Amino acid sequence: MAIAVLKPTDQVVVSATAIALVYAIFAQTVPAYADVRADKPNNVNTHKAVKMAAITSIAAVGSLALVGKSPTVFTIGGAMILFEAWKYHYGNYGANGTDENAASASY
């Protein structure tokens, strides 16, 4: 008995759904990106929110991939999870933008 897999066109639709789902989970779980950038570095609450959003997204994308029997959905959804987690997790590391703006305004 052959395992029914999604057609390539259906994989694109389900992958787009996975991307939208991950984006929505991060948008509702994590503070706004501008707030993350303006916050103090290494904020524990931001890291916990990102971790919870990533875990929730993994469950959602994994479920879609298992139901659709498609590794493409899992790969594309996983890439979106990695991107969003990286973006928010490291959003307030590095140089202090407020100090840089003040320094450039003084010229």
PDB file of N, CA and C in Angstrom:
ATOM      1  N   MET A   1       0.838  -1.175   0.000  1.00  0.00           N
ATOM      2  CA  MET A   1       0.000   0.000   0.000  1.00  0.00           C
ATOM      3  C   MET A   1       0.882   1.236   0.000  1.00  0.00           C
ATOM      4  N   ALA A   2       0.658   2.125  -0.931  1.00  0.00           N
ATOM      5  CA  ALA A   2       1.473   3.331  -1.064  1.00  0.00           C
ATOM      6  C   ALA A   2       0.973   4.415  -0.110  1.00  0.00           C
ATOM      7  N   ILE A   3       1.919   5.171   0.385  1.00  0.00           N
ATOM      8  CA  ILE A   3       1.574   6.289   1.261  1.00  0.00           C
ATOM      9  C   ILE A   3       1.196   7.478   0.399  1.00  0.00           C
ATOM     10  N   ALA A   4       0.047   8.039   0.636  1.00  0.00           N
ATOM     11  CA  ALA A   4      -0.398   9.199  -0.135  1.00  0.00           C
ATOM     12  C   ALA A   4       0.348  10.440   0.351  1.00  0.00           C
ATOM     13  N   VAL A   5       1.031  11.082  -0.563  1.00  0.00           N
ATOM     14  CA  VAL A   5       1.752  12.308  -0.234  1.00  0.00           C
ATOM     15  C   VAL A   5       1.126  13.458  -0.998  1.00  0.00           C
ATOM     16  N   LEU A   6       1.450  14.648  -0.576  1.00  0.00           N
ATOM     17  CA  LEU A   6       0.898  15.825  -1.231  1.00  0.00           C
ATOM     18  C   LEU A   6       1.530  16.038  -2.599  1.00  0.00           C
ATOM     19  N   LYS A   7       0.738  16.578  -3.521  1.00  0.00           N
ATOM     20  CA  LYS A   7       1.270  16.976  -4.817  1.00  0.00           C
ATOM     21  C   LYS A   7       2.137  18.221  -4.601  1.00  0.00           C
ATOM     22  N   PRO A   8       3.067  18.508  -5.502  1.00  0.00           N
ATOM     23  CA  PRO A   8       3.929  19.682  -5.327  1.00  0.00           C
ATOM     24  C   PRO A   8       3.160  20.993  -5.157  1.00  0.00           C
ATOM     25  N   THR A   9       2.072  21.164  -5.882  1.00  0.00           N
ATOM     26  CA  THR A   9       1.298  22.402  -5.733  1.00  0.00           C
ATOM     27  C   THR A   9       0.648  22.476  -4.354  1.00  0.00           C
ATOM     28  N   ASP A  10       0.218  21.338  -3.851  1.00  0.00           N
ATOM     29  CA  ASP A  10      -0.372  21.315  -2.514  1.00  0.00           C
ATOM     30  C   ASP A  10       0.689  21.530  -1.432  1.00  0.00           C
ATOM     31  N   GLN A  11       1.912  21.051  -1.687  1.00  0.00           N
ATOM     32  CA  GLN A  11       2.997  21.284  -0.730  1.00  0.00           C
ATOM     33  C   GLN A  11       3.297  22.769  -0.596  1.00  0.00           C
ATOM     34  N   VAL A  12       3.219  23.507  -1.699  1.00  0.00           N
ATOM     35  CA  VAL A  12       3.450  24.951  -1.657  1.00  0.00           C
ATOM     36  C   VAL A  12       2.371  25.630  -0.818  1.00  0.00           C
ATOM     37  N   VAL A  13       1.136  25.217  -0.993  1.00  0.00           N
ATOM     38  CA  VAL A  13       0.031  25.821  -0.234  1.00  0.00           C
ATOM     39  C   VAL A  13       0.167  25.517   1.253  1.00  0.00           C
ATOM     40  N   VAL A  14       0.460  24.279   1.581  1.00  0.00           N
ATOM     41  CA  VAL A  14       0.586  23.907   2.998  1.00  0.00           C
ATOM     42  C   VAL A  14       1.838  24.545   3.606  1.00  0.00           C
ATOM     43  N   SER A  15       2.908  24.674   2.835  1.00  0.00           N
ATOM     44  CA  SER A  15       4.112  25.353   3.330  1.00  0.00           C
ATOM     45  C   SER A  15       3.829  26.825   3.603  1.00  0.00           C
ATOM     46  N   ALA A  16       3.076  27.461   2.724  1.00  0.00           N
ATOM     47  CA  ALA A  16       2.698  28.861   2.950  1.00  0.00           C
ATOM     48  C   ALA A  16       1.818  28.988   4.189  1.00  0.00           C
ATOM     49  N   THR A  17       0.963  28.010   4.406  1.00  0.00           N
ATOM     50  CA  THR A  17       0.140  27.996   5.615  1.00  0.00           C
ATOM     51  C   THR A  17       1.017  27.845   6.853  1.00  0.00           C
ATOM     52  N   ALA A  18       2.026  27.008   6.773  1.00  0.00           N
ATOM     53  CA  ALA A  18       2.947  26.828   7.904  1.00  0.00           C
ATOM     54  C   ALA A  18       3.696  28.126   8.194  1.00  0.00           C
ATOM     55  N   ILE A  19       4.139  28.824   7.151  1.00  0.00           N
ATOM     56  CA  ILE A  19       4.835  30.101   7.335  1.00  0.00           C
ATOM     57  C   ILE A  19       3.915  31.106   8.002  1.00  0.00           C
ATOM     58  N   ALA A  20       2.683  31.205   7.525  1.00  0.00           N
ATOM     59  CA  ALA A  20       1.726  32.139   8.126  1.00  0.00           C
ATOM     60  C   ALA A  20       1.419  31.777   9.568  1.00  0.00           C
ATOM     61  N   LEU A  21       1.331  30.503   9.850  1.00  0.00           N
ATOM     62  CA  LEU A  21       1.048  30.045  11.207  1.00  0.00           C
ATOM     63  C   LEU A  21       2.189  30.392  12.158  1.00  0.00           C
ATOM     64  N   VAL A  22       3.427  30.157  11.723  1.00  0.00           N
ATOM     65  CA  VAL A  22       4.588  30.497  12.550  1.00  0.00           C
ATOM     66  C   VAL A  22       4.644  31.999  12.783  1.00  0.00           C
ATOM     67  N   TYR A  23       4.420  32.778  11.737  1.00  0.00           N
ATOM     68  CA  TYR A  23       4.442  34.239  11.878  1.00  0.00           C
ATOM     69  C   TYR A  23       3.366  34.701  12.859  1.00  0.00           C
ATOM     70  N   ALA A  24       2.186  34.125  12.770  1.00  0.00           N
ATOM     71  CA  ALA A  24       1.091  34.508  13.677  1.00  0.00           C
ATOM     72  C   ALA A  24       1.402  34.121  15.118  1.00  0.00           C
ATOM     73  N   ILE A  25       1.989  32.947  15.325  1.00  0.00           N
ATOM     74  CA  ILE A  25       2.331  32.520  16.677  1.00  0.00           C
ATOM     75  C   ILE A  25       3.354  33.466  17.288  1.00  0.00           C
ATOM     76  N   PHE A  26       4.383  33.805  16.525  1.00  0.00           N
ATOM     77  CA  PHE A  26       5.392  34.729  17.042  1.00  0.00           C
ATOM     78  C   PHE A  26       4.808  36.122  17.257  1.00  0.00           C
ATOM     79  N   ALA A  27       3.917  36.562  16.376  1.00  0.00           N
ATOM     80  CA  ALA A  27       3.330  37.898  16.512  1.00  0.00           C
ATOM     81  C   ALA A  27       2.478  38.009  17.779  1.00  0.00           C
ATOM     82  N   GLN A  28       1.825  36.910  18.167  1.00  0.00           N
ATOM     83  CA  GLN A  28       0.950  36.950  19.334  1.00  0.00           C
ATOM     84  C   GLN A  28       1.649  36.584  20.632  1.00  0.00           C
ATOM     85  N   THR A  29       2.785  35.914  20.564  1.00  0.00           N
ATOM     86  CA  THR A  29       3.450  35.416  21.763  1.00  0.00           C
ATOM     87  C   THR A  29       4.590  36.308  22.221  1.00  0.00           C
ATOM     88  N   VAL A  30       5.304  36.895  21.286  1.00  0.00           N
ATOM     89  CA  VAL A  30       6.513  37.670  21.583  1.00  0.00           C
ATOM     90  C   VAL A  30       6.164  39.159  21.519  1.00  0.00           C
ATOM     91  N   PRO A  31       6.821  39.992  22.330  1.00  0.00           N
ATOM     92  CA  PRO A  31       6.578  41.437  22.237  1.00  0.00           C
ATOM     93  C   PRO A  31       6.909  41.964  20.843  1.00  0.00           C
ATOM     94  N   ALA A  32       6.405  43.129  20.537  1.00  0.00           N
ATOM     95  CA  ALA A  32       6.678  43.747  19.234  1.00  0.00           C
ATOM     96  C   ALA A  32       8.188  43.874  19.031  1.00  0.00           C
ATOM     97  N   TYR A  33       8.619  43.737  17.772  1.00  0.00           N
ATOM     98  CA  TYR A  33      10.052  43.732  17.484  1.00  0.00           C
ATOM     99  C   TYR A  33      10.696  45.068  17.860  1.00  0.00           C
ATOM    100  N   ALA A  34       9.984  46.158  17.690  1.00  0.00           N
ATOM    101  CA  ALA A  34      10.529  47.461  18.075  1.00  0.00           C
ATOM    102  C   ALA A  34      10.761  47.526  19.587  1.00  0.00           C
ATOM    103  N   ASP A  35       9.875  46.922  20.358  1.00  0.00           N
ATOM    104  CA  ASP A  35      10.053  46.890  21.810  1.00  0.00           C
ATOM    105  C   ASP A  35      11.236  46.010  22.203  1.00  0.00           C
ATOM    106  N   VAL A  36      11.423  44.913  21.477  1.00  0.00           N
ATOM    107  CA  VAL A  36      12.564  44.039  21.757  1.00  0.00           C
ATOM    108  C   VAL A  36      13.862  44.773  21.464  1.00  0.00           C
ATOM    109  N   ARG A  37      13.902  45.502  20.349  1.00  0.00           N
ATOM    110  CA  ARG A  37      15.112  46.237  19.982  1.00  0.00           C
ATOM    111  C   ARG A  37      15.427  47.332  20.996  1.00  0.00           C
ATOM    112  N   ALA A  38      14.396  47.966  21.552  1.00  0.00           N
ATOM    113  CA  ALA A  38      14.605  49.084  22.468  1.00  0.00           C
ATOM    114  C   ALA A  38      14.830  48.639  23.906  1.00  0.00           C
ATOM    115  N   ASP A  39      14.561  47.381  24.195  1.00  0.00           N
ATOM    116  CA  ASP A  39      14.681  46.882  25.559  1.00  0.00           C
ATOM    117  C   ASP A  39      16.146  46.681  25.940  1.00  0.00           C
ATOM    118  N   LYS A  40      16.362  46.480  27.226  1.00  0.00           N
ATOM    119  CA  LYS A  40      17.726  46.216  27.695  1.00  0.00           C
ATOM    120  C   LYS A  40      18.212  44.875  27.157  1.00  0.00           C
ATOM    121  N   PRO A  41      19.504  44.746  26.899  1.00  0.00           N
ATOM    122  CA  PRO A  41      20.025  43.467  26.401  1.00  0.00           C
ATOM    123  C   PRO A  41      19.837  42.344  27.422  1.00  0.00           C
ATOM    124  N   ASN A  42      19.696  41.140  26.923  1.00  0.00           N
ATOM    125  CA  ASN A  42      19.561  39.924  27.730  1.00  0.00           C
ATOM    126  C   ASN A  42      18.333  39.912  28.625  1.00  0.00           C
ATOM    127  N   ASN A  43      17.222  40.436  28.152  1.00  0.00           N
ATOM    128  CA  ASN A  43      15.994  40.412  28.934  1.00  0.00           C
ATOM    129  C   ASN A  43      15.477  38.979  29.015  1.00  0.00           C
ATOM    130  N   VAL A  44      15.357  38.467  30.225  1.00  0.00           N
ATOM    131  CA  VAL A  44      14.965  37.074  30.451  1.00  0.00           C
ATOM    132  C   VAL A  44      13.546  36.826  29.956  1.00  0.00           C
ATOM    133  N   ASN A  45      12.654  37.768  30.152  1.00  0.00           N
ATOM    134  CA  ASN A  45      11.262  37.574  29.733  1.00  0.00           C
ATOM    135  C   ASN A  45      11.145  37.477  28.216  1.00  0.00           C
ATOM    136  N   THR A  46      11.935  38.244  27.491  1.00  0.00           N
ATOM    137  CA  THR A  46      11.918  38.156  26.036  1.00  0.00           C
ATOM    138  C   THR A  46      12.418  36.791  25.583  1.00  0.00           C
ATOM    139  N   HIS A  47      13.479  36.308  26.200  1.00  0.00           N
ATOM    140  CA  HIS A  47      14.014  35.000  25.830  1.00  0.00           C
ATOM    141  C   HIS A  47      13.012  33.891  26.128  1.00  0.00           C
ATOM    142  N   LYS A  48      12.301  33.997  27.241  1.00  0.00           N
ATOM    143  CA  LYS A  48      11.295  32.987  27.573  1.00  0.00           C
ATOM    144  C   LYS A  48      10.129  33.025  26.594  1.00  0.00           C
ATOM    145  N   ALA A  49       9.727  34.230  26.182  1.00  0.00           N
ATOM    146  CA  ALA A  49       8.638  34.355  25.212  1.00  0.00           C
ATOM    147  C   ALA A  49       9.043  33.780  23.861  1.00  0.00           C
ATOM    148  N   VAL A  50      10.282  34.024  23.447  1.00  0.00           N
ATOM    149  CA  VAL A  50      10.776  33.476  22.176  1.00  0.00           C
ATOM    150  C   VAL A  50      10.828  31.951  22.244  1.00  0.00           C
ATOM    151  N   LYS A  51      11.280  31.441  23.361  1.00  0.00           N
ATOM    152  CA  LYS A  51      11.364  29.987  23.532  1.00  0.00           C
ATOM    153  C   LYS A  51       9.979  29.359  23.467  1.00  0.00           C
ATOM    154  N   MET A  52       8.997  29.966  24.127  1.00  0.00           N
ATOM    155  CA  MET A  52       7.636  29.434  24.105  1.00  0.00           C
ATOM    156  C   MET A  52       7.037  29.527  22.706  1.00  0.00           C
ATOM    157  N   ALA A  53       7.288  30.609  21.997  1.00  0.00           N
ATOM    158  CA  ALA A  53       6.783  30.739  20.626  1.00  0.00           C
ATOM    159  C   ALA A  53       7.418  29.699  19.715  1.00  0.00           C
ATOM    160  N   ALA A  54       8.710  29.440  19.896  1.00  0.00           N
ATOM    161  CA  ALA A  54       9.391  28.444  19.070  1.00  0.00           C
ATOM    162  C   ALA A  54       8.841  27.039  19.342  1.00  0.00           C
ATOM    163  N   ILE A  55       8.620  26.716  20.600  1.00  0.00           N
ATOM    164  CA  ILE A  55       8.088  25.394  20.940  1.00  0.00           C
ATOM    165  C   ILE A  55       6.669  25.225  20.388  1.00  0.00           C
ATOM    166  N   THR A  56       5.855  26.247  20.526  1.00  0.00           N
ATOM    167  CA  THR A  56       4.494  26.193  19.994  1.00  0.00           C
ATOM    168  C   THR A  56       4.517  26.051  18.474  1.00  0.00           C
ATOM    169  N   SER A  57       5.407  26.797  17.826  1.00  0.00           N
ATOM    170  CA  SER A  57       5.514  26.726  16.369  1.00  0.00           C
ATOM    171  C   SER A  57       5.994  25.363  15.905  1.00  0.00           C
ATOM    172  N   ILE A  58       6.915  24.767  16.653  1.00  0.00           N
ATOM    173  CA  ILE A  58       7.398  23.427  16.299  1.00  0.00           C
ATOM    174  C   ILE A  58       6.246  22.428  16.343  1.00  0.00           C
ATOM    175  N   ALA A  59       5.409  22.538  17.355  1.00  0.00           N
ATOM    176  CA  ALA A  59       4.265  21.628  17.451  1.00  0.00           C
ATOM    177  C   ALA A  59       3.299  21.837  16.284  1.00  0.00           C
ATOM    178  N   ALA A  60       3.049  23.083  15.922  1.00  0.00           N
ATOM    179  CA  ALA A  60       2.112  23.370  14.841  1.00  0.00           C
ATOM    180  C   ALA A  60       2.657  22.907  13.483  1.00  0.00           C
ATOM    181  N   VAL A  61       3.915  23.241  13.205  1.00  0.00           N
ATOM    182  CA  VAL A  61       4.509  22.848  11.924  1.00  0.00           C
ATOM    183  C   VAL A  61       4.676  21.332  11.854  1.00  0.00           C
ATOM    184  N   GLY A  62       5.079  20.727  12.946  1.00  0.00           N
ATOM    185  CA  GLY A  62       5.206  19.274  12.971  1.00  0.00           C
ATOM    186  C   GLY A  62       3.887  18.580  12.708  1.00  0.00           C
ATOM    187  N   SER A  63       2.824  19.109  13.268  1.00  0.00           N
ATOM    188  CA  SER A  63       1.500  18.531  13.030  1.00  0.00           C
ATOM    189  C   SER A  63       1.100  18.659  11.567  1.00  0.00           C
ATOM    190  N   LEU A  64       1.334  19.832  10.982  1.00  0.00           N
ATOM    191  CA  LEU A  64       1.014  20.008   9.565  1.00  0.00           C
ATOM    192  C   LEU A  64       1.821  19.054   8.693  1.00  0.00           C
ATOM    193  N   ALA A  65       3.098  18.915   9.003  1.00  0.00           N
ATOM    194  CA  ALA A  65       3.965  18.043   8.207  1.00  0.00           C
ATOM    195  C   ALA A  65       3.557  16.581   8.345  1.00  0.00           C
ATOM    196  N   LEU A  66       3.166  16.171   9.549  1.00  0.00           N
ATOM    197  CA  LEU A  66       2.743  14.781   9.743  1.00  0.00           C
ATOM    198  C   LEU A  66       1.408  14.490   9.064  1.00  0.00           C
ATOM    199  N   VAL A  67       0.488  15.423   9.177  1.00  0.00           N
ATOM    200  CA  VAL A  67      -0.816  15.212   8.539  1.00  0.00           C
ATOM    201  C   VAL A  67      -0.659  15.192   7.014  1.00  0.00           C
ATOM    202  N   GLY A  68       0.171  16.097   6.495  1.00  0.00           N
ATOM    203  CA  GLY A  68       0.379  16.144   5.055  1.00  0.00           C
ATOM    204  C   GLY A  68       1.399  15.153   4.546  1.00  0.00           C
ATOM    205  N   LYS A  69       2.100  14.483   5.448  1.00  0.00           N
ATOM    206  CA  LYS A  69       3.153  13.521   5.080  1.00  0.00           C
ATOM    207  C   LYS A  69       4.158  14.148   4.128  1.00  0.00           C
ATOM    208  N   SER A  70       4.588  15.376   4.477  1.00  0.00           N
ATOM    209  CA  SER A  70       5.451  16.124   3.573  1.00  0.00           C
ATOM    210  C   SER A  70       6.686  16.643   4.298  1.00  0.00           C
ATOM    211  N   PRO A  71       7.881  16.187   3.916  1.00  0.00           N
ATOM    212  CA  PRO A  71       9.092  16.757   4.506  1.00  0.00           C
ATOM    213  C   PRO A  71       9.343  18.191   4.051  1.00  0.00           C
ATOM    214  N   THR A  72       8.771  18.577   2.917  1.00  0.00           N
ATOM    215  CA  THR A  72       8.924  19.945   2.434  1.00  0.00           C
ATOM    216  C   THR A  72       8.271  20.925   3.394  1.00  0.00           C
ATOM    217  N   VAL A  73       7.094  20.599   3.857  1.00  0.00           N
ATOM    218  CA  VAL A  73       6.390  21.461   4.814  1.00  0.00           C
ATOM    219  C   VAL A  73       7.204  21.587   6.091  1.00  0.00           C
ATOM    220  N   PHE A  74       7.766  20.480   6.536  1.00  0.00           N
ATOM    221  CA  PHE A  74       8.577  20.498   7.754  1.00  0.00           C
ATOM    222  C   PHE A  74       9.825  21.359   7.567  1.00  0.00           C
ATOM    223  N   THR A  75      10.473  21.235   6.430  1.00  0.00           N
ATOM    224  CA  THR A  75      11.697  21.992   6.162  1.00  0.00           C
ATOM    225  C   THR A  75      11.422  23.483   6.058  1.00  0.00           C
ATOM    226  N   ILE A  76      10.410  23.857   5.301  1.00  0.00           N
ATOM    227  CA  ILE A  76      10.102  25.283   5.118  1.00  0.00           C
ATOM    228  C   ILE A  76       9.584  25.880   6.426  1.00  0.00           C
ATOM    229  N   GLY A  77       8.718  25.165   7.121  1.00  0.00           N
ATOM    230  CA  GLY A  77       8.224  25.658   8.411  1.00  0.00           C
ATOM    231  C   GLY A  77       9.335  25.767   9.440  1.00  0.00           C
ATOM    232  N   GLY A  78      10.234  24.779   9.447  1.00  0.00           N
ATOM    233  CA  GLY A  78      11.376  24.822  10.366  1.00  0.00           C
ATOM    234  C   GLY A  78      12.299  25.985  10.080  1.00  0.00           C
ATOM    235  N   ALA A  79      12.497  26.293   8.803  1.00  0.00           N
ATOM    236  CA  ALA A  79      13.334  27.448   8.441  1.00  0.00           C
ATOM    237  C   ALA A  79      12.695  28.746   8.927  1.00  0.00           C
ATOM    238  N   MET A  80      11.392  28.832   8.836  1.00  0.00           N
ATOM    239  CA  MET A  80      10.705  30.041   9.323  1.00  0.00           C
ATOM    240  C   MET A  80      10.815  30.146  10.842  1.00  0.00           C
ATOM    241  N   ILE A  81      10.714  29.033  11.535  1.00  0.00           N
ATOM    242  CA  ILE A  81      10.870  29.035  12.992  1.00  0.00           C
ATOM    243  C   ILE A  81      12.273  29.498  13.360  1.00  0.00           C
ATOM    244  N   LEU A  82      13.281  28.968  12.680  1.00  0.00           N
ATOM    245  CA  LEU A  82      14.658  29.390  12.958  1.00  0.00           C
ATOM    246  C   LEU A  82      14.858  30.871  12.693  1.00  0.00           C
ATOM    247  N   PHE A  83      14.298  31.363  11.606  1.00  0.00           N
ATOM    248  CA  PHE A  83      14.451  32.782  11.292  1.00  0.00           C
ATOM    249  C   PHE A  83      13.792  33.666  12.353  1.00  0.00           C
ATOM    250  N   GLU A  84      12.565  33.355  12.699  1.00  0.00           N
ATOM    251  CA  GLU A  84      11.855  34.178  13.681  1.00  0.00           C
ATOM    252  C   GLU A  84      12.527  34.100  15.054  1.00  0.00           C
ATOM    253  N   ALA A  85      12.951  32.919  15.457  1.00  0.00           N
ATOM    254  CA  ALA A  85      13.619  32.780  16.753  1.00  0.00           C
ATOM    255  C   ALA A  85      14.939  33.547  16.756  1.00  0.00           C
ATOM    256  N   TRP A  86      15.689  33.464  15.674  1.00  0.00           N
ATOM    257  CA  TRP A  86      16.957  34.195  15.579  1.00  0.00           C
ATOM    258  C   TRP A  86      16.707  35.698  15.616  1.00  0.00           C
ATOM    259  N   LYS A  87      15.713  36.147  14.871  1.00  0.00           N
ATOM    260  CA  LYS A  87      15.419  37.580  14.786  1.00  0.00           C
ATOM    261  C   LYS A  87      15.071  38.156  16.157  1.00  0.00           C
ATOM    262  N   TYR A  88      14.204  37.493  16.877  1.00  0.00           N
ATOM    263  CA  TYR A  88      13.788  38.012  18.175  1.00  0.00           C
ATOM    264  C   TYR A  88      14.815  37.754  19.269  1.00  0.00           C
ATOM    265  N   HIS A  89      15.471  36.608  19.215  1.00  0.00           N
ATOM    266  CA  HIS A  89      16.409  36.259  20.274  1.00  0.00           C
ATOM    267  C   HIS A  89      17.611  37.199  20.288  1.00  0.00           C
ATOM    268  N   TYR A  90      18.093  37.554  19.118  1.00  0.00           N
ATOM    269  CA  TYR A  90      19.264  38.427  19.035  1.00  0.00           C
ATOM    270  C   TYR A  90      18.901  39.850  18.629  1.00  0.00           C
ATOM    271  N   GLY A  91      17.653  40.227  18.798  1.00  0.00           N
ATOM    272  CA  GLY A  91      17.189  41.548  18.379  1.00  0.00           C
ATOM    273  C   GLY A  91      17.791  42.691  19.166  1.00  0.00           C
ATOM    274  N   ASN A  92      18.188  42.464  20.394  1.00  0.00           N
ATOM    275  CA  ASN A  92      18.709  43.578  21.190  1.00  0.00           C
ATOM    276  C   ASN A  92      20.154  43.368  21.619  1.00  0.00           C
ATOM    277  N   TYR A  93      20.875  42.555  20.880  1.00  0.00           N
ATOM    278  CA  TYR A  93      22.299  42.391  21.140  1.00  0.00           C
ATOM    279  C   TYR A  93      23.073  43.369  20.277  1.00  0.00           C
ATOM    280  N   GLY A  94      24.325  43.552  20.603  1.00  0.00           N
ATOM    281  CA  GLY A  94      25.174  44.400  19.769  1.00  0.00           C
ATOM    282  C   GLY A  94      25.227  45.818  20.290  1.00  0.00           C
ATOM    283  N   ALA A  95      25.490  46.727  19.385  1.00  0.00           N
ATOM    284  CA  ALA A  95      25.669  48.130  19.758  1.00  0.00           C
ATOM    285  C   ALA A  95      24.354  48.737  20.240  1.00  0.00           C
ATOM    286  N   ASN A  96      24.476  49.704  21.085  1.00  0.00           N
ATOM    287  CA  ASN A  96      23.320  50.399  21.627  1.00  0.00           C
ATOM    288  C   ASN A  96      22.870  51.450  20.618  1.00  0.00           C
ATOM    289  N   GLY A  97      21.700  51.241  20.033  1.00  0.00           N
ATOM    290  CA  GLY A  97      21.205  52.160  18.999  1.00  0.00           C
ATOM    291  C   GLY A  97      20.939  53.553  19.518  1.00  0.00           C
ATOM    292  N   THR A  98      20.490  53.675  20.771  1.00  0.00           N
ATOM    293  CA  THR A  98      20.215  54.987  21.324  1.00  0.00           C
ATOM    294  C   THR A  98      21.508  55.807  21.436  1.00  0.00           C
ATOM    295  N   ASP A  99      22.560  55.173  21.923  1.00  0.00           N
ATOM    296  CA  ASP A  99      23.846  55.879  22.022  1.00  0.00           C
ATOM    297  C   ASP A  99      24.396  56.229  20.644  1.00  0.00           C
ATOM    298  N   GLU A 100      24.250  55.332  19.689  1.00  0.00           N
ATOM    299  CA  GLU A 100      24.721  55.599  18.344  1.00  0.00           C
ATOM    300  C   GLU A 100      23.965  56.760  17.702  1.00  0.00           C
ATOM    301  N   ASN A 101      22.658  56.811  17.896  1.00  0.00           N
ATOM    302  CA  ASN A 101      21.876  57.906  17.339  1.00  0.00           C
ATOM    303  C   ASN A 101      22.244  59.241  17.983  1.00  0.00           C
ATOM    304  N   ALA A 102      22.465  59.230  19.291  1.00  0.00           N
ATOM    305  CA  ALA A 102      22.847  60.465  19.968  1.00  0.00           C
ATOM    306  C   ALA A 102      24.219  60.937  19.503  1.00  0.00           C
ATOM    307  N   ALA A 103      25.121  59.995  19.289  1.00  0.00           N
ATOM    308  CA  ALA A 103      26.465  60.352  18.843  1.00  0.00           C
ATOM    309  C   ALA A 103      26.446  60.904  17.423  1.00  0.00           C
ATOM    310  N   SER A 104      25.638  60.330  16.554  1.00  0.00           N
ATOM    311  CA  SER A 104      25.580  60.813  15.174  1.00  0.00           C
ATOM    312  C   SER A 104      24.847  62.140  15.093  1.00  0.00           C
ATOM    313  N   ALA A 105      23.925  62.419  16.009  1.00  0.00           N
ATOM    314  CA  ALA A 105      23.192  63.688  15.992  1.00  0.00           C
ATOM    315  C   ALA A 105      24.056  64.839  16.480  1.00  0.00           C
ATOM    316  N   SER A 106      25.120  64.520  17.203  1.00  0.00           N
ATOM    317  CA  SER A 106      25.961  65.604  17.760  1.00  0.00           C
ATOM    318  C   SER A 106      26.971  66.141  16.747  1.00  0.00           C
ATOM    319  N   TYR A 107      27.079  65.539  15.571  1.00  0.00           N
ATOM    320  CA  TYR A 107      28.049  66.027  14.586  1.00  0.00           C
ATOM    321  C   TYR A 107      27.652  67.333  14.033  1.00  0.00           C
TER     322      TYR A 107
END
